[in-house]
Amino acid sequence: MTPLEKAIDALGGKSKLAAALGVSPQFIHRMQVRGGNISTRKVTADEWAKVTGLSKKELFPEYQD
C-alpha cells in the first residue's frame, strides 16, 4: 500500500482527502497515477500528517525523525 493510499483510506476517499487538504481531487488523482508518492508542493508534510492522523514516517517513508 502506497503512502497516498494510506492517506485516502484514513479519510475515506479521494474527494474527502482533497477537501480536507484544500486541493482539487485532480491533484490527488495525479499523485496516484504517478506512483502514489505524496507531493509537498502545495501541502506541507505537517499538514498531511495533521489532516490524515498518520505519522510523517508512514506518509513519507524517507522521513528521518
N, C-alpha and C. Protein backbone atom coordinates (compact mmCIF):
# COMPACT_ATOMS: atom_id res chain seq x y z
N MET A 1 0.84 -1.17 0.00
CA MET A 1 0.00 0.00 0.00
C MET A 1 0.90 1.25 0.00
N THR A 2 0.62 2.16 -0.91
CA THR A 2 1.43 3.38 -1.01
C THR A 2 1.04 4.36 0.09
N PRO A 3 1.90 5.32 0.37
CA PRO A 3 1.56 6.34 1.35
C PRO A 3 0.27 7.09 1.00
N LEU A 4 0.07 7.35 -0.28
CA LEU A 4 -1.15 8.05 -0.70
C LEU A 4 -2.38 7.19 -0.44
N GLU A 5 -2.31 5.90 -0.71
CA GLU A 5 -3.44 5.01 -0.45
C GLU A 5 -3.77 4.99 1.04
N LYS A 6 -2.76 5.03 1.89
CA LYS A 6 -2.98 5.08 3.34
C LYS A 6 -3.73 6.36 3.71
N ALA A 7 -3.33 7.47 3.11
CA ALA A 7 -3.98 8.76 3.39
C ALA A 7 -5.43 8.75 2.90
N ILE A 8 -5.66 8.20 1.72
CA ILE A 8 -7.02 8.11 1.17
C ILE A 8 -7.90 7.26 2.08
N ASP A 9 -7.39 6.12 2.51
CA ASP A 9 -8.14 5.24 3.41
C ASP A 9 -8.44 5.92 4.73
N ALA A 10 -7.49 6.68 5.24
CA ALA A 10 -7.66 7.35 6.53
C ALA A 10 -8.81 8.36 6.50
N LEU A 11 -9.03 8.98 5.34
CA LEU A 11 -10.08 9.99 5.21
C LEU A 11 -11.35 9.44 4.58
N GLY A 12 -11.29 8.26 4.00
CA GLY A 12 -12.49 7.67 3.43
C GLY A 12 -12.74 7.98 1.97
N GLY A 13 -11.75 8.43 1.25
CA GLY A 13 -11.91 8.65 -0.18
C GLY A 13 -11.08 9.82 -0.68
N LYS A 14 -10.88 9.82 -2.00
CA LYS A 14 -10.06 10.87 -2.63
C LYS A 14 -10.67 12.25 -2.47
N SER A 15 -11.96 12.36 -2.68
CA SER A 15 -12.62 13.67 -2.61
C SER A 15 -12.56 14.23 -1.20
N LYS A 16 -12.76 13.38 -0.20
CA LYS A 16 -12.69 13.84 1.19
C LYS A 16 -11.28 14.27 1.55
N LEU A 17 -10.29 13.53 1.08
CA LEU A 17 -8.90 13.89 1.34
C LEU A 17 -8.59 15.23 0.68
N ALA A 18 -8.99 15.38 -0.57
CA ALA A 18 -8.74 16.63 -1.29
C ALA A 18 -9.38 17.82 -0.57
N ALA A 19 -10.63 17.66 -0.14
CA ALA A 19 -11.32 18.75 0.56
C ALA A 19 -10.63 19.10 1.87
N ALA A 20 -10.21 18.09 2.61
CA ALA A 20 -9.55 18.32 3.90
C ALA A 20 -8.21 19.04 3.72
N LEU A 21 -7.54 18.77 2.61
CA LEU A 21 -6.24 19.39 2.35
C LEU A 21 -6.36 20.73 1.63
N GLY A 22 -7.54 21.02 1.10
CA GLY A 22 -7.73 22.27 0.35
C GLY A 22 -7.16 22.22 -1.05
N VAL A 23 -7.15 21.03 -1.65
CA VAL A 23 -6.67 20.86 -3.02
C VAL A 23 -7.78 20.21 -3.85
N SER A 24 -7.56 20.12 -5.15
CA SER A 24 -8.57 19.51 -6.02
C SER A 24 -8.43 17.99 -6.02
N PRO A 25 -9.54 17.29 -6.27
CA PRO A 25 -9.45 15.83 -6.42
C PRO A 25 -8.47 15.44 -7.53
N GLN A 26 -8.34 16.30 -8.55
CA GLN A 26 -7.42 16.03 -9.65
C GLN A 26 -5.97 15.99 -9.14
N PHE A 27 -5.63 16.83 -8.18
CA PHE A 27 -4.29 16.84 -7.59
C PHE A 27 -4.00 15.48 -6.94
N ILE A 28 -4.98 14.95 -6.22
CA ILE A 28 -4.83 13.64 -5.58
C ILE A 28 -4.70 12.56 -6.64
N HIS A 29 -5.54 12.63 -7.66
CA HIS A 29 -5.52 11.63 -8.74
C HIS A 29 -4.16 11.63 -9.45
N ARG A 30 -3.62 12.81 -9.72
CA ARG A 30 -2.32 12.88 -10.41
C ARG A 30 -1.21 12.24 -9.59
N MET A 31 -1.25 12.44 -8.29
CA MET A 31 -0.24 11.79 -7.44
C MET A 31 -0.39 10.28 -7.48
N GLN A 32 -1.63 9.82 -7.50
CA GLN A 32 -1.90 8.38 -7.54
C GLN A 32 -1.38 7.78 -8.84
N VAL A 33 -1.62 8.45 -9.95
CA VAL A 33 -1.16 7.98 -11.26
C VAL A 33 0.36 7.94 -11.33
N ARG A 34 1.00 8.87 -10.65
CA ARG A 34 2.46 8.97 -10.68
C ARG A 34 3.15 8.08 -9.64
N GLY A 35 2.45 7.12 -9.10
CA GLY A 35 3.09 6.15 -8.23
C GLY A 35 2.69 6.18 -6.77
N GLY A 36 1.87 7.12 -6.38
CA GLY A 36 1.37 7.15 -5.01
C GLY A 36 2.26 7.81 -3.99
N ASN A 37 3.33 8.46 -4.45
CA ASN A 37 4.17 9.21 -3.52
C ASN A 37 3.53 10.57 -3.28
N ILE A 38 3.58 11.02 -2.05
CA ILE A 38 2.91 12.26 -1.68
C ILE A 38 3.77 13.47 -2.02
N SER A 39 3.12 14.45 -2.63
CA SER A 39 3.79 15.69 -3.01
C SER A 39 3.64 16.72 -1.90
N THR A 40 4.69 17.48 -1.65
CA THR A 40 4.62 18.57 -0.67
C THR A 40 4.70 19.93 -1.37
N ARG A 41 4.42 19.96 -2.65
CA ARG A 41 4.45 21.23 -3.39
C ARG A 41 3.37 22.19 -2.91
N LYS A 42 2.16 21.68 -2.69
CA LYS A 42 1.04 22.54 -2.30
C LYS A 42 0.68 22.39 -0.82
N VAL A 43 1.01 21.24 -0.25
CA VAL A 43 0.64 20.93 1.14
C VAL A 43 1.88 20.44 1.87
N THR A 44 2.16 21.01 3.03
CA THR A 44 3.36 20.62 3.77
C THR A 44 3.21 19.23 4.39
N ALA A 45 4.32 18.64 4.74
CA ALA A 45 4.32 17.33 5.39
C ALA A 45 3.55 17.38 6.70
N ASP A 46 3.69 18.48 7.44
CA ASP A 46 2.97 18.62 8.71
C ASP A 46 1.46 18.67 8.48
N GLU A 47 1.02 19.34 7.42
CA GLU A 47 -0.41 19.41 7.11
C GLU A 47 -0.95 18.03 6.73
N TRP A 48 -0.18 17.28 5.93
CA TRP A 48 -0.58 15.92 5.56
C TRP A 48 -0.79 15.08 6.82
N ALA A 49 0.16 15.16 7.75
CA ALA A 49 0.08 14.37 8.98
C ALA A 49 -1.11 14.80 9.84
N LYS A 50 -1.33 16.10 9.96
CA LYS A 50 -2.43 16.61 10.77
C LYS A 50 -3.79 16.18 10.22
N VAL A 51 -3.97 16.33 8.93
CA VAL A 51 -5.25 16.02 8.29
C VAL A 51 -5.56 14.52 8.31
N THR A 52 -4.56 13.69 8.05
CA THR A 52 -4.80 12.25 7.94
C THR A 52 -4.73 11.52 9.28
N GLY A 53 -4.03 12.10 10.25
CA GLY A 53 -3.84 11.41 11.52
C GLY A 53 -2.75 10.36 11.45
N LEU A 54 -2.06 10.29 10.32
CA LEU A 54 -0.96 9.34 10.15
C LEU A 54 0.36 10.02 10.47
N SER A 55 1.34 9.23 10.83
CA SER A 55 2.65 9.80 11.14
C SER A 55 3.38 10.20 9.86
N LYS A 56 4.32 11.12 10.00
CA LYS A 56 5.12 11.52 8.84
C LYS A 56 5.90 10.32 8.31
N LYS A 57 6.33 9.44 9.19
CA LYS A 57 7.08 8.26 8.77
C LYS A 57 6.23 7.36 7.87
N GLU A 58 4.92 7.24 8.17
CA GLU A 58 4.02 6.45 7.33
C GLU A 58 3.78 7.13 5.98
N LEU A 59 3.63 8.44 6.01
CA LEU A 59 3.33 9.18 4.80
C LEU A 59 4.56 9.42 3.93
N PHE A 60 5.69 9.57 4.58
CA PHE A 60 6.95 9.85 3.88
C PHE A 60 8.00 8.86 4.37
N PRO A 61 8.06 7.67 3.78
CA PRO A 61 8.98 6.62 4.25
C PRO A 61 10.44 7.07 4.37
N GLU A 62 10.83 8.05 3.58
CA GLU A 62 12.21 8.54 3.62
C GLU A 62 12.44 9.52 4.77
N TYR A 63 11.37 9.88 5.50
CA TYR A 63 11.45 10.86 6.58
C TYR A 63 12.33 10.35 7.72
N GLN A 64 13.26 11.18 8.15
CA GLN A 64 14.14 10.87 9.28
C GLN A 64 13.73 11.76 10.44
N ASP A 65 13.37 11.16 11.55
CA ASP A 65 12.94 11.94 12.71
C ASP A 65 14.10 12.37 13.58
